[in-house]
Amino acid sequence: MNQDQIIGKNLQALRKKLGFTQDQVAAYLQVNREEVSYYENGSRTASTKILSQMANLYGVDEYDFFEEDLDLAKVNLALAFRAESIKAEDLAQIAKFKKIVRNYLSMKNLLKDEPSNS
C-alpha cells in the first residue's frame, strides 16, 4: 500500500467514524465531492493544506493520517456526532474548536513534562 492509499484509508475511516458525508467534507474544504473521493481512495495526493483542514475537522494530528495501522479506538474523537443537515460553516466552527482543544492538550502535555521551579 502506498502513502496516498494509507492516507486515503485513514481519511475515509475517520470521516465515517464521525458520521460525515463526502458532500459535507467537500463543502467544508470548498472542493467537489469527487475530490474527497480521490483523496480517500488514494488516487490523488492531498495537499498539506487539505490534510491540515481535515485534521482540524476530525480532531486528530496530521501525522495520524500517515499511520499504516490507525487504531480508531485510540484516536480522540471527541465531539463526535451525526447531523443530517450540517453546513460547511458549521464544520468550519467545529474544526476551529477542535484545533483549539488539540493545541490546549499539547500545551498541557508539554507543561506536565517541565520540571517545576519550586
C-alpha atoms as a PDB file:
ATOM      1  CA  MET A   1       0.000   0.000   0.000  1.00  0.00           C
ATOM      2  CA  ASN A   2       1.473   3.373  -0.980  1.00  0.00           C
ATOM      3  CA  GLN A   3       1.370   6.528   1.124  1.00  0.00           C
ATOM      4  CA  ASP A   4      -1.625   8.053  -0.678  1.00  0.00           C
ATOM      5  CA  GLN A   5      -3.596   4.843  -0.142  1.00  0.00           C
ATOM      6  CA  ILE A   6      -2.713   4.770   3.572  1.00  0.00           C
ATOM      7  CA  ILE A   7      -3.745   8.401   3.977  1.00  0.00           C
ATOM      8  CA  GLY A   8      -6.930   7.773   1.997  1.00  0.00           C
ATOM      9  CA  LYS A   9      -7.894   4.760   4.090  1.00  0.00           C
ATOM     10  CA  ASN A  10      -7.446   6.800   7.271  1.00  0.00           C
ATOM     11  CA  LEU A  11      -9.311   9.817   5.905  1.00  0.00           C
ATOM     12  CA  GLN A  12     -12.252   7.619   4.990  1.00  0.00           C
ATOM     13  CA  ALA A  13     -12.238   5.730   8.300  1.00  0.00           C
ATOM     14  CA  LEU A  14     -12.194   8.938  10.342  1.00  0.00           C
ATOM     15  CA  ARG A  15     -14.884  10.589   8.223  1.00  0.00           C
ATOM     16  CA  LYS A  16     -17.173   7.591   8.593  1.00  0.00           C
ATOM     17  CA  LYS A  17     -16.436   7.253  12.326  1.00  0.00           C
ATOM     18  CA  LEU A  18     -17.524  10.864  12.813  1.00  0.00           C
ATOM     19  CA  GLY A  19     -20.606  10.418  10.644  1.00  0.00           C
ATOM     20  CA  PHE A  20     -19.724  12.991   7.982  1.00  0.00           C
ATOM     21  CA  THR A  21     -20.608  12.509   4.332  1.00  0.00           C
ATOM     22  CA  GLN A  22     -18.204  13.181   1.492  1.00  0.00           C
ATOM     23  CA  ASP A  23     -20.504  16.020   0.434  1.00  0.00           C
ATOM     24  CA  GLN A  24     -20.237  17.666   3.869  1.00  0.00           C
ATOM     25  CA  VAL A  25     -16.451  17.368   3.945  1.00  0.00           C
ATOM     26  CA  ALA A  26     -16.216  18.669   0.376  1.00  0.00           C
ATOM     27  CA  ALA A  27     -18.329  21.720   1.250  1.00  0.00           C
ATOM     28  CA  TYR A  28     -16.097  22.395   4.273  1.00  0.00           C
ATOM     29  CA  LEU A  29     -12.942  22.059   2.153  1.00  0.00           C
ATOM     30  CA  GLN A  30     -14.527  24.053  -0.688  1.00  0.00           C
ATOM     31  CA  VAL A  31     -13.852  21.310  -3.225  1.00  0.00           C
ATOM     32  CA  ASN A  32     -16.204  18.966  -5.067  1.00  0.00           C
ATOM     33  CA  ARG A  33     -17.231  15.602  -3.647  1.00  0.00           C
ATOM     34  CA  GLU A  34     -15.203  13.753  -6.264  1.00  0.00           C
ATOM     35  CA  GLU A  35     -12.036  15.393  -4.943  1.00  0.00           C
ATOM     36  CA  VAL A  36     -12.722  13.986  -1.465  1.00  0.00           C
ATOM     37  CA  SER A  37     -13.342  10.592  -3.053  1.00  0.00           C
ATOM     38  CA  TYR A  38      -9.988  10.779  -4.885  1.00  0.00           C
ATOM     39  CA  TYR A  39      -8.200  11.537  -1.589  1.00  0.00           C
ATOM     40  CA  GLU A  40      -9.988   8.694   0.178  1.00  0.00           C
ATOM     41  CA  ASN A  41      -9.255   6.077  -2.471  1.00  0.00           C
ATOM     42  CA  GLY A  42      -5.622   7.182  -2.721  1.00  0.00           C
ATOM     43  CA  SER A  43      -5.745   8.102  -6.395  1.00  0.00           C
ATOM     44  CA  ARG A  44      -4.848  11.740  -5.677  1.00  0.00           C
ATOM     45  CA  THR A  45      -2.342  13.222  -3.227  1.00  0.00           C
ATOM     46  CA  ALA A  46      -3.925  15.538  -0.667  1.00  0.00           C
ATOM     47  CA  SER A  47      -2.047  18.800  -0.181  1.00  0.00           C
ATOM     48  CA  THR A  48      -0.697  19.744   3.225  1.00  0.00           C
ATOM     49  CA  LYS A  49      -3.372  22.460   3.374  1.00  0.00           C
ATOM     50  CA  ILE A  50      -6.138  19.905   2.792  1.00  0.00           C
ATOM     51  CA  LEU A  51      -4.636  17.492   5.341  1.00  0.00           C
ATOM     52  CA  SER A  52      -4.376  20.310   7.887  1.00  0.00           C
ATOM     53  CA  GLN A  53      -8.014  21.282   7.344  1.00  0.00           C
ATOM     54  CA  MET A  54      -9.145  17.670   7.657  1.00  0.00           C
ATOM     55  CA  ALA A  55      -7.039  17.141  10.793  1.00  0.00           C
ATOM     56  CA  ASN A  56      -8.746  20.154  12.356  1.00  0.00           C
ATOM     57  CA  LEU A  57     -12.186  18.886  11.384  1.00  0.00           C
ATOM     58  CA  TYR A  58     -11.552  15.333  12.575  1.00  0.00           C
ATOM     59  CA  GLY A  59      -9.752  16.452  15.745  1.00  0.00           C
ATOM     60  CA  VAL A  60      -6.567  14.486  15.062  1.00  0.00           C
ATOM     61  CA  ASP A  61      -2.940  15.315  14.396  1.00  0.00           C
ATOM     62  CA  GLU A  62      -1.921  15.375  10.751  1.00  0.00           C
ATOM     63  CA  TYR A  63       0.640  12.624  11.305  1.00  0.00           C
ATOM     64  CA  ASP A  64      -2.235  10.283  12.269  1.00  0.00           C
ATOM     65  CA  PHE A  65      -3.188  10.173   8.585  1.00  0.00           C
ATOM     66  CA  PHE A  66       0.183   8.552   7.778  1.00  0.00           C
ATOM     67  CA  GLU A  67      -0.206   5.667  10.258  1.00  0.00           C
ATOM     68  CA  GLU A  68      -0.396   2.360   8.435  1.00  0.00           C
ATOM     69  CA  ASP A  69      -2.416   0.833  11.278  1.00  0.00           C
ATOM     70  CA  LEU A  70      -4.549   3.679  12.644  1.00  0.00           C
ATOM     71  CA  ASP A  71      -6.344   2.387  15.711  1.00  0.00           C
ATOM     72  CA  LEU A  72      -9.576   4.386  15.743  1.00  0.00           C
ATOM     73  CA  ALA A  73     -10.260   3.314  19.302  1.00  0.00           C
ATOM     74  CA  LYS A  74      -7.210   5.301  20.421  1.00  0.00           C
ATOM     75  CA  VAL A  75      -7.857   8.372  18.300  1.00  0.00           C
ATOM     76  CA  ASN A  76      -9.542  11.089  20.305  1.00  0.00           C
ATOM     77  CA  LEU A  77     -12.854  11.528  18.538  1.00  0.00           C
ATOM     78  CA  ALA A  78     -14.304  13.990  20.994  1.00  0.00           C
ATOM     79  CA  LEU A  79     -17.341  15.912  19.833  1.00  0.00           C
ATOM     80  CA  ALA A  80     -18.394  13.120  17.510  1.00  0.00           C
ATOM     81  CA  PHE A  81     -21.977  13.447  16.398  1.00  0.00           C
ATOM     82  CA  ARG A  82     -24.265  12.846  13.485  1.00  0.00           C
ATOM     83  CA  ALA A  83     -26.254  15.569  11.822  1.00  0.00           C
ATOM     84  CA  GLU A  84     -28.189  15.290   8.624  1.00  0.00           C
ATOM     85  CA  SER A  85     -28.258  18.978   7.749  1.00  0.00           C
ATOM     86  CA  ILE A  86     -24.870  20.212   8.924  1.00  0.00           C
ATOM     87  CA  LYS A  87     -23.493  23.078   6.848  1.00  0.00           C
ATOM     88  CA  ALA A  88     -19.952  23.896   5.741  1.00  0.00           C
ATOM     89  CA  GLU A  89     -19.954  26.919   8.086  1.00  0.00           C
ATOM     90  CA  ASP A  90     -20.816  24.611  10.988  1.00  0.00           C
ATOM     91  CA  LEU A  91     -17.952  22.307  10.066  1.00  0.00           C
ATOM     92  CA  ALA A  92     -15.583  25.272   9.950  1.00  0.00           C
ATOM     93  CA  GLN A  93     -16.568  26.232  13.504  1.00  0.00           C
ATOM     94  CA  ILE A  94     -16.209  22.637  14.694  1.00  0.00           C
ATOM     95  CA  ALA A  95     -12.751  22.430  13.108  1.00  0.00           C
ATOM     96  CA  LYS A  96     -11.651  25.667  14.817  1.00  0.00           C
ATOM     97  CA  PHE A  97     -12.866  24.390  18.166  1.00  0.00           C
ATOM     98  CA  LYS A  98     -11.130  21.035  17.768  1.00  0.00           C
ATOM     99  CA  LYS A  99      -7.898  22.805  16.795  1.00  0.00           C
ATOM    100  CA  ILE A 100      -8.067  24.867  19.991  1.00  0.00           C
ATOM    101  CA  VAL A 101      -8.662  21.729  22.064  1.00  0.00           C
ATOM    102  CA  ARG A 102      -5.754  19.886  20.410  1.00  0.00           C
ATOM    103  CA  ASN A 103      -3.433  22.848  20.996  1.00  0.00           C
ATOM    104  CA  TYR A 104      -4.529  23.053  24.624  1.00  0.00           C
ATOM    105  CA  LEU A 105      -3.917  19.342  25.175  1.00  0.00           C
ATOM    106  CA  SER A 106      -0.495  19.578  23.527  1.00  0.00           C
ATOM    107  CA  MET A 107       0.470  22.523  25.748  1.00  0.00           C
ATOM    108  CA  LYS A 108      -0.815  20.712  28.822  1.00  0.00           C
ATOM    109  CA  ASN A 109       1.315  17.667  27.988  1.00  0.00           C
ATOM    110  CA  LEU A 110       4.385  19.836  27.410  1.00  0.00           C
ATOM    111  CA  LEU A 111       3.904  21.654  30.712  1.00  0.00           C
ATOM    112  CA  LYS A 112       3.399  18.376  32.538  1.00  0.00           C
ATOM    113  CA  ASP A 113       6.873  17.289  31.423  1.00  0.00           C
ATOM    114  CA  GLU A 114       8.535  20.543  32.564  1.00  0.00           C
ATOM    115  CA  PRO A 115      10.467  20.403  35.851  1.00  0.00           C
ATOM    116  CA  SER A 116       8.951  22.673  38.476  1.00  0.00           C
ATOM    117  CA  ASN A 117      10.926  25.698  39.692  1.00  0.00           C
ATOM    118  CA  SER A 118       9.856  25.292  43.320  1.00  0.00           C
END
